[in-house]
Amino acid sequence: MLVALTARYHRRSSPKIVHQEYAALDSEGRLAVAKMAAILRVADSLDRSHSQRISSIECRDEKDRLVISIPNVEDLTLEQLGIQNKCSMFEEVYGMSVTLEKKGNIQTP
């Protein structure tokens, strides 16, 4: 049920207590679903082009924001738009914003 609800909430609405399956979970289960769905939304936004061009990331916690460094990708415009559109749940659940940045060592073919 946790996996099914995580998949449900990673794209559409946020978890709500009026949703029967979500309401049936105990508080620990509801928190787990919210946390996993929030992370999955961020991960999903990192592949907005569906081309799997991001193969690795580095994350760091800087006070009230999660900074995701992306190596070897020159243009992050599409992913940044995705983060802007999909990170509100992450901000609500974890209390921190999400920022993308290019990491050095960009290699061109």
N, C-alpha and C. Protein backbone atom coordinates (compact mmCIF):
# COMPACT_ATOMS: atom_id res chain seq x y z
N MET A 1 0.82 -1.19 0.00
CA MET A 1 0.00 0.00 0.00
C MET A 1 0.88 1.26 0.00
N LEU A 2 1.99 1.22 0.74
CA LEU A 2 2.87 2.40 0.78
C LEU A 2 3.42 2.72 -0.61
N VAL A 3 3.83 1.70 -1.34
CA VAL A 3 4.38 1.92 -2.68
C VAL A 3 3.29 2.43 -3.62
N ALA A 4 2.11 1.84 -3.55
CA ALA A 4 1.00 2.27 -4.41
C ALA A 4 0.63 3.73 -4.15
N LEU A 5 0.56 4.10 -2.89
CA LEU A 5 0.20 5.49 -2.56
C LEU A 5 1.32 6.46 -2.94
N THR A 6 2.56 6.03 -2.78
CA THR A 6 3.68 6.88 -3.19
C THR A 6 3.60 7.14 -4.70
N ALA A 7 3.33 6.11 -5.47
CA ALA A 7 3.19 6.27 -6.92
C ALA A 7 2.00 7.18 -7.24
N ARG A 8 0.92 7.01 -6.52
CA ARG A 8 -0.28 7.84 -6.76
C ARG A 8 0.04 9.33 -6.55
N TYR A 9 0.72 9.63 -5.47
CA TYR A 9 0.93 11.03 -5.10
C TYR A 9 2.17 11.67 -5.73
N HIS A 10 2.93 10.93 -6.49
CA HIS A 10 4.13 11.54 -7.07
C HIS A 10 3.81 12.43 -8.26
N ARG A 11 2.61 12.35 -8.81
CA ARG A 11 2.30 13.15 -10.00
C ARG A 11 1.12 14.09 -9.81
N ARG A 12 0.13 13.65 -9.13
CA ARG A 12 -1.11 14.44 -9.10
C ARG A 12 -1.24 15.18 -7.78
N SER A 13 -2.35 14.94 -7.12
CA SER A 13 -2.62 15.67 -5.88
C SER A 13 -1.71 15.21 -4.75
N SER A 14 -1.65 16.02 -3.75
CA SER A 14 -0.91 15.66 -2.54
C SER A 14 -1.78 14.76 -1.68
N PRO A 15 -1.16 14.02 -0.77
CA PRO A 15 -1.94 13.15 0.11
C PRO A 15 -2.94 13.95 0.94
N LYS A 16 -4.14 13.41 1.07
CA LYS A 16 -5.18 14.06 1.87
C LYS A 16 -5.86 13.01 2.73
N ILE A 17 -6.20 13.38 3.93
CA ILE A 17 -6.82 12.46 4.87
C ILE A 17 -8.19 11.98 4.37
N VAL A 18 -8.80 12.69 3.44
CA VAL A 18 -10.08 12.26 2.89
C VAL A 18 -9.92 11.12 1.88
N HIS A 19 -8.69 10.86 1.43
CA HIS A 19 -8.45 9.73 0.54
C HIS A 19 -8.47 8.45 1.39
N GLN A 20 -9.35 7.56 1.05
CA GLN A 20 -9.64 6.38 1.88
C GLN A 20 -8.39 5.55 2.20
N GLU A 21 -7.60 5.22 1.19
CA GLU A 21 -6.42 4.37 1.42
C GLU A 21 -5.38 5.08 2.28
N TYR A 22 -5.20 6.37 2.04
CA TYR A 22 -4.25 7.16 2.81
C TYR A 22 -4.71 7.28 4.26
N ALA A 23 -6.00 7.51 4.45
CA ALA A 23 -6.56 7.65 5.80
C ALA A 23 -6.45 6.35 6.59
N ALA A 24 -6.41 5.22 5.89
CA ALA A 24 -6.33 3.92 6.57
C ALA A 24 -4.95 3.66 7.17
N LEU A 25 -3.95 4.42 6.74
CA LEU A 25 -2.60 4.25 7.28
C LEU A 25 -2.50 4.90 8.65
N ASP A 26 -1.58 4.38 9.47
CA ASP A 26 -1.30 5.05 10.73
C ASP A 26 -0.44 6.28 10.43
N SER A 27 -0.20 7.10 11.43
CA SER A 27 0.52 8.36 11.21
C SER A 27 1.93 8.12 10.65
N GLU A 28 2.58 7.07 11.09
CA GLU A 28 3.92 6.74 10.58
C GLU A 28 3.85 6.40 9.08
N GLY A 29 2.86 5.64 8.68
CA GLY A 29 2.68 5.29 7.28
C GLY A 29 2.36 6.50 6.42
N ARG A 30 1.50 7.38 6.93
CA ARG A 30 1.17 8.60 6.18
C ARG A 30 2.40 9.48 5.99
N LEU A 31 3.21 9.60 7.04
CA LEU A 31 4.42 10.40 6.93
C LEU A 31 5.40 9.77 5.92
N ALA A 32 5.52 8.45 5.95
CA ALA A 32 6.41 7.77 5.01
C ALA A 32 5.97 8.00 3.57
N VAL A 33 4.67 7.91 3.30
CA VAL A 33 4.16 8.13 1.96
C VAL A 33 4.44 9.57 1.53
N ALA A 34 4.19 10.53 2.38
CA ALA A 34 4.42 11.93 2.04
C ALA A 34 5.90 12.18 1.74
N LYS A 35 6.78 11.62 2.55
CA LYS A 35 8.21 11.82 2.34
C LYS A 35 8.68 11.17 1.04
N MET A 36 8.25 9.94 0.81
CA MET A 36 8.68 9.24 -0.42
C MET A 36 8.12 9.91 -1.67
N ALA A 37 6.86 10.33 -1.63
CA ALA A 37 6.26 10.98 -2.80
C ALA A 37 6.95 12.31 -3.08
N ALA A 38 7.32 13.04 -2.04
CA ALA A 38 8.01 14.32 -2.23
C ALA A 38 9.37 14.10 -2.87
N ILE A 39 10.10 13.10 -2.42
CA ILE A 39 11.41 12.78 -3.02
C ILE A 39 11.23 12.32 -4.46
N LEU A 40 10.23 11.50 -4.71
CA LEU A 40 9.99 11.01 -6.07
C LEU A 40 9.63 12.14 -7.02
N ARG A 41 8.90 13.13 -6.54
CA ARG A 41 8.58 14.28 -7.39
C ARG A 41 9.84 15.03 -7.79
N VAL A 42 10.76 15.20 -6.86
CA VAL A 42 12.02 15.87 -7.17
C VAL A 42 12.81 15.02 -8.17
N ALA A 43 12.91 13.73 -7.92
CA ALA A 43 13.63 12.84 -8.84
C ALA A 43 13.01 12.87 -10.23
N ASP A 44 11.70 12.85 -10.29
CA ASP A 44 11.01 12.89 -11.57
C ASP A 44 11.30 14.18 -12.33
N SER A 45 11.42 15.27 -11.61
CA SER A 45 11.70 16.55 -12.27
C SER A 45 13.11 16.60 -12.84
N LEU A 46 13.99 15.73 -12.36
CA LEU A 46 15.36 15.68 -12.89
C LEU A 46 15.45 14.92 -14.21
N ASP A 47 14.35 14.33 -14.65
CA ASP A 47 14.32 13.67 -15.96
C ASP A 47 13.14 14.16 -16.78
N ARG A 48 12.95 15.47 -16.80
CA ARG A 48 11.82 16.05 -17.52
C ARG A 48 11.88 15.76 -19.01
N SER A 49 13.06 15.63 -19.55
CA SER A 49 13.21 15.37 -20.99
C SER A 49 13.01 13.88 -21.31
N HIS A 50 12.97 13.05 -20.30
CA HIS A 50 12.86 11.59 -20.45
C HIS A 50 14.00 11.02 -21.29
N SER A 51 15.15 11.66 -21.19
CA SER A 51 16.31 11.21 -21.96
C SER A 51 17.41 10.63 -21.08
N GLN A 52 17.20 10.62 -19.79
CA GLN A 52 18.16 10.08 -18.82
C GLN A 52 19.54 10.71 -18.96
N ARG A 53 19.57 12.01 -19.23
CA ARG A 53 20.86 12.67 -19.40
C ARG A 53 21.54 12.99 -18.08
N ILE A 54 20.81 12.93 -16.98
CA ILE A 54 21.42 13.11 -15.66
C ILE A 54 21.66 11.73 -15.09
N SER A 55 22.93 11.40 -14.94
CA SER A 55 23.28 10.06 -14.46
C SER A 55 23.77 10.04 -13.03
N SER A 56 24.09 11.21 -12.48
CA SER A 56 24.51 11.27 -11.09
C SER A 56 24.21 12.65 -10.52
N ILE A 57 24.07 12.69 -9.21
CA ILE A 57 23.81 13.95 -8.51
C ILE A 57 24.59 13.94 -7.21
N GLU A 58 24.79 15.12 -6.67
CA GLU A 58 25.33 15.28 -5.33
C GLU A 58 24.39 16.23 -4.60
N CYS A 59 24.04 15.91 -3.38
CA CYS A 59 23.12 16.74 -2.60
C CYS A 59 23.80 17.25 -1.35
N ARG A 60 23.42 18.45 -0.98
CA ARG A 60 23.89 18.99 0.30
C ARG A 60 22.78 19.83 0.92
N ASP A 61 22.78 19.84 2.21
CA ASP A 61 21.79 20.59 3.00
C ASP A 61 22.43 21.92 3.38
N GLU A 62 21.83 22.99 2.90
CA GLU A 62 22.30 24.33 3.25
C GLU A 62 21.18 25.05 3.97
N LYS A 63 21.16 24.95 5.27
CA LYS A 63 20.13 25.55 6.13
C LYS A 63 18.74 25.15 5.68
N ASP A 64 18.05 26.04 4.99
CA ASP A 64 16.65 25.79 4.65
C ASP A 64 16.47 25.40 3.19
N ARG A 65 17.52 24.85 2.57
CA ARG A 65 17.38 24.40 1.19
C ARG A 65 18.26 23.19 0.90
N LEU A 66 17.75 22.38 -0.01
CA LEU A 66 18.49 21.23 -0.51
C LEU A 66 19.10 21.67 -1.83
N VAL A 67 20.41 21.59 -1.93
CA VAL A 67 21.11 21.96 -3.16
C VAL A 67 21.52 20.67 -3.87
N ILE A 68 21.06 20.53 -5.10
CA ILE A 68 21.39 19.37 -5.91
C ILE A 68 22.36 19.81 -6.99
N SER A 69 23.58 19.27 -6.94
CA SER A 69 24.61 19.57 -7.93
C SER A 69 24.59 18.49 -9.00
N ILE A 70 24.58 18.94 -10.25
CA ILE A 70 24.51 18.03 -11.39
C ILE A 70 25.81 18.15 -12.18
N PRO A 71 26.61 17.09 -12.20
CA PRO A 71 27.84 17.15 -12.99
C PRO A 71 27.58 16.76 -14.45
N ASN A 72 28.42 17.31 -15.32
CA ASN A 72 28.45 16.91 -16.73
C ASN A 72 27.17 17.17 -17.52
N VAL A 73 26.39 18.14 -17.11
CA VAL A 73 25.22 18.56 -17.87
C VAL A 73 25.32 20.07 -18.02
N GLU A 74 25.36 20.54 -19.24
CA GLU A 74 25.58 21.96 -19.47
C GLU A 74 24.34 22.81 -19.24
N ASP A 75 23.19 22.37 -19.72
CA ASP A 75 21.97 23.17 -19.64
C ASP A 75 20.93 22.48 -18.75
N LEU A 76 20.58 23.10 -17.64
CA LEU A 76 19.62 22.54 -16.69
C LEU A 76 18.28 23.27 -16.73
N THR A 77 18.02 24.01 -17.80
CA THR A 77 16.80 24.81 -17.88
C THR A 77 15.54 23.97 -17.70
N LEU A 78 15.43 22.87 -18.42
CA LEU A 78 14.24 22.03 -18.34
C LEU A 78 14.06 21.45 -16.94
N GLU A 79 15.15 21.01 -16.34
CA GLU A 79 15.08 20.44 -15.00
C GLU A 79 14.73 21.50 -13.97
N GLN A 80 15.26 22.71 -14.14
CA GLN A 80 14.94 23.79 -13.21
C GLN A 80 13.46 24.14 -13.28
N LEU A 81 12.90 24.14 -14.47
CA LEU A 81 11.45 24.35 -14.60
C LEU A 81 10.68 23.24 -13.91
N GLY A 82 11.14 22.02 -14.07
CA GLY A 82 10.50 20.89 -13.41
C GLY A 82 10.54 21.02 -11.89
N ILE A 83 11.67 21.41 -11.37
CA ILE A 83 11.80 21.61 -9.92
C ILE A 83 10.84 22.69 -9.45
N GLN A 84 10.75 23.79 -10.18
CA GLN A 84 9.84 24.87 -9.79
C GLN A 84 8.40 24.38 -9.76
N ASN A 85 8.04 23.52 -10.69
CA ASN A 85 6.66 23.04 -10.78
C ASN A 85 6.34 21.92 -9.80
N LYS A 86 7.36 21.17 -9.36
CA LYS A 86 7.07 19.97 -8.59
C LYS A 86 7.66 19.93 -7.18
N CYS A 87 8.32 20.99 -6.74
CA CYS A 87 8.99 20.90 -5.44
C CYS A 87 8.16 21.42 -4.28
N SER A 88 6.96 21.89 -4.51
CA SER A 88 6.18 22.43 -3.40
C SER A 88 5.88 21.38 -2.33
N MET A 89 5.62 20.16 -2.73
CA MET A 89 5.36 19.10 -1.75
C MET A 89 6.63 18.83 -0.92
N PHE A 90 7.80 18.83 -1.57
CA PHE A 90 9.05 18.65 -0.85
C PHE A 90 9.23 19.75 0.18
N GLU A 91 8.94 20.98 -0.23
CA GLU A 91 9.06 22.11 0.69
C GLU A 91 8.13 21.97 1.88
N GLU A 92 6.90 21.51 1.63
CA GLU A 92 5.93 21.32 2.71
C GLU A 92 6.37 20.21 3.67
N VAL A 93 6.81 19.10 3.11
CA VAL A 93 7.14 17.93 3.93
C VAL A 93 8.45 18.12 4.68
N TYR A 94 9.47 18.63 4.00
CA TYR A 94 10.81 18.72 4.59
C TYR A 94 11.15 20.12 5.11
N GLY A 95 10.35 21.13 4.76
CA GLY A 95 10.62 22.48 5.24
C GLY A 95 11.83 23.11 4.61
N MET A 96 12.15 22.70 3.39
CA MET A 96 13.30 23.28 2.70
C MET A 96 13.02 23.35 1.20
N SER A 97 13.56 24.39 0.57
CA SER A 97 13.41 24.53 -0.87
C SER A 97 14.45 23.66 -1.58
N VAL A 98 14.30 23.54 -2.89
CA VAL A 98 15.23 22.74 -3.69
C VAL A 98 15.86 23.64 -4.74
N THR A 99 17.17 23.57 -4.85
CA THR A 99 17.91 24.35 -5.83
C THR A 99 18.80 23.42 -6.65
N LEU A 100 18.81 23.63 -7.96
CA LEU A 100 19.72 22.88 -8.83
C LEU A 100 20.89 23.77 -9.20
N GLU A 101 22.05 23.15 -9.34
CA GLU A 101 23.21 23.88 -9.82
C GLU A 101 24.08 22.95 -10.65
N LYS A 102 24.76 23.56 -11.60
CA LYS A 102 25.72 22.80 -12.40
C LYS A 102 26.98 22.61 -11.57
N LYS A 103 27.50 21.43 -11.63
CA LYS A 103 28.78 21.17 -10.98
C LYS A 103 29.86 21.26 -12.03
N GLY A 104 31.03 21.71 -11.66
CA GLY A 104 32.15 21.82 -12.61
C GLY A 104 32.43 20.52 -13.32
N ASN A 105 33.50 20.48 -14.05
CA ASN A 105 33.94 19.29 -14.79
C ASN A 105 32.98 18.91 -15.92
N ILE A 106 32.39 19.91 -16.55
CA ILE A 106 31.51 19.61 -17.68
C ILE A 106 32.40 19.14 -18.83
N GLN A 107 32.09 17.97 -19.33
CA GLN A 107 32.87 17.40 -20.41
C GLN A 107 32.06 17.50 -21.69
N THR A 108 32.70 17.99 -22.75
CA THR A 108 32.01 18.05 -24.03
C THR A 108 32.61 16.98 -24.92
N PRO A 109 31.77 16.35 -25.71
CA PRO A 109 32.28 15.26 -26.58
C PRO A 109 33.22 15.77 -27.64
